[in-house]
Protein backbone atom coordinates (compact mmCIF):
# COMPACT_ATOMS: atom_id res chain seq x y z
CA MET A 1 12.64 -9.06 25.54
CA SER A 2 13.62 -5.39 25.65
CA ASP A 3 11.10 -2.70 26.55
CA GLN A 4 11.14 -1.48 22.94
CA GLY A 5 10.59 -5.02 21.66
CA ASN A 6 7.69 -5.46 24.08
CA VAL A 7 6.11 -2.20 22.91
CA ARG A 8 6.37 -3.23 19.26
CA LEU A 9 4.94 -6.68 20.01
CA LYS A 10 1.91 -5.18 21.76
CA THR A 11 1.48 -2.69 18.94
CA PHE A 12 1.70 -5.55 16.43
CA VAL A 13 -1.15 -7.32 18.25
CA LEU A 14 -3.22 -4.12 18.07
CA LEU A 15 -2.44 -3.87 14.36
CA LEU A 16 -3.60 -7.45 13.76
CA ILE A 17 -6.84 -6.78 15.64
CA GLY A 18 -7.46 -3.64 13.59
CA LEU A 19 -6.64 -5.29 10.27
CA ALA A 20 -8.60 -8.53 10.77
CA PRO A 21 -11.97 -7.24 9.47
CA ALA A 22 -10.30 -5.65 6.43
CA GLU A 23 -8.27 -8.72 5.51
CA LEU A 24 -11.41 -10.88 5.60
CA ASN A 25 -13.89 -8.51 3.94
CA ARG A 26 -13.94 -10.52 0.69
CA PHE A 27 -15.87 -13.23 2.54
CA TYR A 28 -18.49 -11.23 4.39
CA ASN A 29 -19.19 -8.12 2.27
CA PRO A 30 -20.83 -10.08 -0.60
CA LEU A 31 -23.17 -11.64 1.96
CA LEU A 32 -24.01 -8.34 3.65
CA VAL A 33 -25.19 -6.78 0.38
CA HIS A 34 -28.57 -8.36 1.11
CA PHE A 35 -28.68 -6.93 4.65
CA PRO A 36 -27.92 -3.20 4.34
CA PRO A 37 -28.39 -2.31 8.05
CA VAL A 38 -25.89 -5.00 9.01
CA PHE A 39 -23.48 -3.90 6.28
CA TRP A 40 -23.48 -0.29 7.47
CA SER A 41 -23.05 -1.35 11.09
CA VAL A 42 -20.10 -3.56 10.22
CA ASP A 43 -18.57 -0.92 7.97
CA ALA A 44 -18.86 1.81 10.61
CA PHE A 45 -17.31 -0.50 13.19
CA ARG A 46 -14.47 -1.44 10.84
CA PHE A 47 -13.62 2.05 9.58
CA VAL A 48 -14.55 4.27 12.54
CA VAL A 49 -15.06 2.49 15.86
CA LEU A 50 -12.30 -0.14 15.75
CA PRO A 51 -9.56 2.25 14.54
CA LEU A 52 -10.46 4.66 17.34
CA ILE A 53 -10.27 1.79 19.85
CA VAL A 54 -6.86 0.72 18.51
CA LEU A 55 -5.59 4.32 18.57
CA TYR A 56 -6.95 4.97 22.06
CA ALA A 57 -5.52 1.71 23.42
CA GLY A 58 -2.07 2.39 21.98
CA ILE A 59 -1.94 5.91 23.40
CA ARG A 60 -3.55 4.90 26.71
CA TRP A 61 -1.02 2.10 27.19
CA ARG A 62 1.81 4.44 26.14
CA LEU A 63 2.82 2.25 23.22
CA PHE A 64 3.02 5.15 20.78
CA THR A 65 2.07 8.77 20.25
CA LEU A 66 0.26 10.41 17.34
CA SER A 67 3.62 11.77 16.20
CA ASP A 68 5.10 8.25 16.19
CA LEU A 69 2.46 7.30 13.63
CA GLY A 70 3.08 10.22 11.30
CA PHE A 71 0.32 12.53 12.51
CA HIS A 72 2.53 15.61 12.58
CA ARG A 73 3.54 18.53 10.34
CA ARG A 74 7.22 17.64 10.06
CA VAL A 75 8.03 16.74 6.43
CA PHE A 76 11.42 15.87 4.94
CA GLY A 77 12.79 16.37 8.46
CA SER A 78 11.68 20.01 8.58
CA ARG A 79 9.01 21.74 10.65
CA ASN A 80 8.79 24.63 8.18
CA PHE A 81 5.12 25.34 7.53
CA ALA A 82 5.72 26.41 3.92
CA ILE A 83 7.39 23.07 3.17
CA PHE A 84 4.53 21.23 4.87
CA LEU A 85 1.94 23.18 2.87
CA GLY A 86 3.84 22.51 -0.34
CA ALA A 87 3.91 18.78 0.44
CA MET A 88 0.17 18.86 1.17
CA ILE A 89 -0.44 20.23 -2.34
CA LEU A 90 2.26 18.63 -4.48
CA ILE A 91 2.19 15.06 -3.16
CA PRO A 92 -1.59 14.58 -3.63
CA ALA A 93 -1.28 16.22 -7.07
CA VAL A 94 1.46 13.79 -8.11
CA MET A 95 -0.43 10.78 -6.74
CA LEU A 96 -3.60 11.87 -8.52
CA TRP A 97 -1.62 12.12 -11.76
CA ILE A 98 -0.13 8.65 -11.26
CA ASP A 99 -3.42 7.00 -10.33
CA PRO A 100 -5.03 6.65 -13.82
CA HIS A 101 -1.74 5.35 -15.23
CA ALA A 102 -1.55 2.81 -12.40
CA GLN A 103 -5.12 1.71 -13.13
CA LYS A 104 -4.33 1.16 -16.82
CA LEU A 105 -1.26 -0.86 -15.88
CA ALA A 106 -3.29 -2.89 -13.39
CA PHE A 107 -5.90 -3.76 -16.02
CA ARG A 108 -3.20 -4.85 -18.46
CA LEU A 109 -1.46 -7.02 -15.87
CA ALA A 110 -4.79 -8.53 -14.77
CA ALA A 111 -5.94 -9.41 -18.28
CA SER A 112 -4.76 -13.02 -18.01
CA LEU A 113 -5.91 -13.52 -14.42
CA HIS A 114 -9.33 -14.80 -13.48
CA TRP A 115 -10.23 -13.31 -10.12
CA PRO A 116 -13.88 -12.30 -10.40
CA ARG A 117 -15.33 -9.24 -8.73
CA VAL A 118 -17.61 -10.42 -5.94
CA PHE A 119 -18.56 -7.08 -4.43
CA SER A 120 -18.53 -3.35 -5.15
CA TYR A 121 -19.00 -0.55 -2.65
CA GLN A 122 -20.98 1.27 -5.31
CA GLN A 123 -23.66 -1.39 -4.79
CA MET A 124 -24.32 0.09 -1.38
CA GLU A 125 -24.55 3.71 -2.47
CA PRO A 126 -28.11 5.10 -2.36
CA SER A 127 -29.54 7.11 -5.20
CA GLY A 128 -30.34 10.79 -4.94
CA PRO A 129 -28.70 13.48 -2.80
CA ARG A 130 -27.66 11.01 -0.09
CA ARG A 131 -25.19 9.39 -2.47
CA PHE A 132 -22.79 12.34 -2.26
CA PHE A 133 -22.54 12.02 1.53
CA ILE A 134 -21.99 8.27 1.32
CA VAL A 135 -19.18 8.80 -1.20
CA ILE A 136 -17.62 11.34 1.18
CA TYR A 137 -17.96 8.86 4.04
CA PHE A 138 -16.30 6.05 2.04
CA ALA A 139 -13.43 8.27 0.89
CA VAL A 140 -12.71 9.97 4.23
CA THR A 141 -12.92 6.86 6.40
CA ALA A 142 -10.78 4.84 3.98
CA GLY A 143 -8.24 7.65 3.68
CA PHE A 144 -7.75 8.05 7.42
CA THR A 145 -8.13 4.44 8.53
CA GLU A 146 -6.04 2.77 5.85
CA GLU A 147 -3.18 5.26 6.15
CA PHE A 148 -3.30 4.86 9.93
CA TYR A 149 -3.05 1.07 9.69
CA TYR A 150 -1.01 0.33 6.59
CA ARG A 151 1.47 3.18 6.73
CA GLY A 152 1.54 4.75 10.21
CA LEU A 153 1.08 1.73 12.47
CA THR A 154 2.88 -0.75 10.21
CA ARG A 155 5.88 1.58 9.93
CA PHE A 156 6.01 1.91 13.71
CA VAL A 157 5.90 -1.87 14.18
CA CYS A 158 8.62 -2.49 11.60
CA GLY A 159 10.92 0.12 13.11
CA ARG A 160 13.69 2.29 11.70
CA GLY A 161 16.84 1.54 9.75
CA PHE A 162 17.43 0.48 6.15
CA ILE A 163 16.52 -3.22 6.52
CA ARG A 164 13.44 -2.47 8.62
CA SER A 165 12.37 0.24 6.17
CA CYS A 166 12.61 -2.25 3.29
CA MET A 167 10.58 -4.70 5.39
CA PHE A 168 7.97 -1.99 5.97
CA VAL A 169 7.57 -1.33 2.23
CA ILE A 170 7.14 -5.04 1.51
CA VAL A 171 4.86 -5.83 4.45
CA SER A 172 2.61 -2.79 4.07
CA SER A 173 2.20 -3.50 0.35
CA LEU A 174 1.41 -7.18 0.87
CA LEU A 175 -1.12 -6.41 3.59
CA PHE A 176 -2.90 -3.84 1.43
CA GLY A 177 -3.76 -6.30 -1.34
CA PRO A 178 -6.12 -8.83 0.34
CA PRO A 179 -8.71 -6.23 1.48
CA HIS A 180 -9.18 -5.39 -2.22
CA LEU A 181 -9.71 -8.96 -3.46
CA TYR A 182 -13.45 -8.33 -3.59
CA GLY A 183 -12.94 -6.16 -6.68
CA GLY A 184 -11.07 -8.71 -8.78
CA ALA A 185 -7.49 -8.96 -10.02
CA ALA A 186 -7.17 -5.44 -11.43
CA ASN A 187 -8.39 -3.96 -8.14
CA VAL A 188 -5.78 -5.89 -6.17
CA ILE A 189 -2.92 -4.97 -8.50
CA ASP A 190 -3.97 -1.31 -8.47
CA ALA A 191 -4.08 -1.41 -4.67
CA GLU A 192 -0.61 -2.96 -4.52
CA ILE A 193 0.79 -0.24 -6.80
CA PHE A 194 -0.80 2.44 -4.61
CA ALA A 195 0.51 0.78 -1.43
CA LEU A 196 4.06 0.60 -2.79
CA GLU A 197 3.89 4.23 -3.89
CA ALA A 198 2.42 5.39 -0.56
CA ALA A 199 4.98 3.45 1.53
CA LEU A 200 7.91 4.95 -0.39
CA ILE A 201 6.46 8.45 -0.12
CA TYR A 202 5.87 8.01 3.61
CA LEU A 203 9.48 6.93 4.09
CA ALA A 204 10.67 10.04 2.25
CA VAL A 205 8.20 12.57 3.67
CA GLY A 206 7.69 11.29 7.21
CA SER A 207 4.15 12.65 7.62
CA LEU A 208 0.85 10.89 6.99
CA TRP A 209 -1.12 14.03 6.21
CA PRO A 210 -0.20 14.39 2.51
CA LEU A 211 -0.96 10.70 2.01
CA ILE A 212 -4.30 10.98 3.77
CA VAL A 213 -5.32 13.89 1.54
CA ALA A 214 -4.20 12.02 -1.59
CA HIS A 215 -5.96 8.83 -0.48
CA ILE A 216 -9.23 10.66 0.17
CA LEU A 217 -9.15 12.40 -3.21
CA ILE A 218 -8.32 9.21 -5.12
CA ASP A 219 -11.03 7.22 -3.32
CA PHE A 220 -13.54 10.00 -3.87
CA GLY A 221 -13.01 9.61 -7.59
CA TYR A 222 -13.18 5.82 -7.33
CA PHE A 223 -16.38 5.70 -5.29
CA SER A 224 -17.99 8.38 -7.43
């Protein structure tokens, strides 16, 4: 196996380790509703601690750099700050405009499906002033962690080129669905639409930052 192939294989293993808790959350989150301290510990590990471990391990082992994963200001192949700033404003604005239309489409497509909702993150939100900070936590951690895994790291593992780029769009979209099974059919379909949209935008733009901002804003509205 070539050095590049070995790097991608090791990165793929890291990706699987990072994604495992998310892909299985439909099974354990409904149980943890009754044990809030355990839920918050698991959630913090899944969205904060484990991603940092995966990121640190990949950089420490020289598998990838932050730039390799899209954490840079280069957009559309340009390092021009004005273009970057424009992308940071326009791309989230477009994705926020698309989001309610995608939700309506998801509900229509899910009408004949019978996948019940078994859990809602809103169940875990406290009442009173603390709720605002929990909503911020949910939105920010999901925005960073999910873009890191499903766009940045998955794109790196799939590689460059037309065929590999097509594979990235398909794989990242398919992986993004199962972690949203807890919310029922409409939630999964909406997540798949978002994942497809985000993957295509990432291919075109090349930077994760506009997607992270859009993801945080969309999730803030969802969790609110």
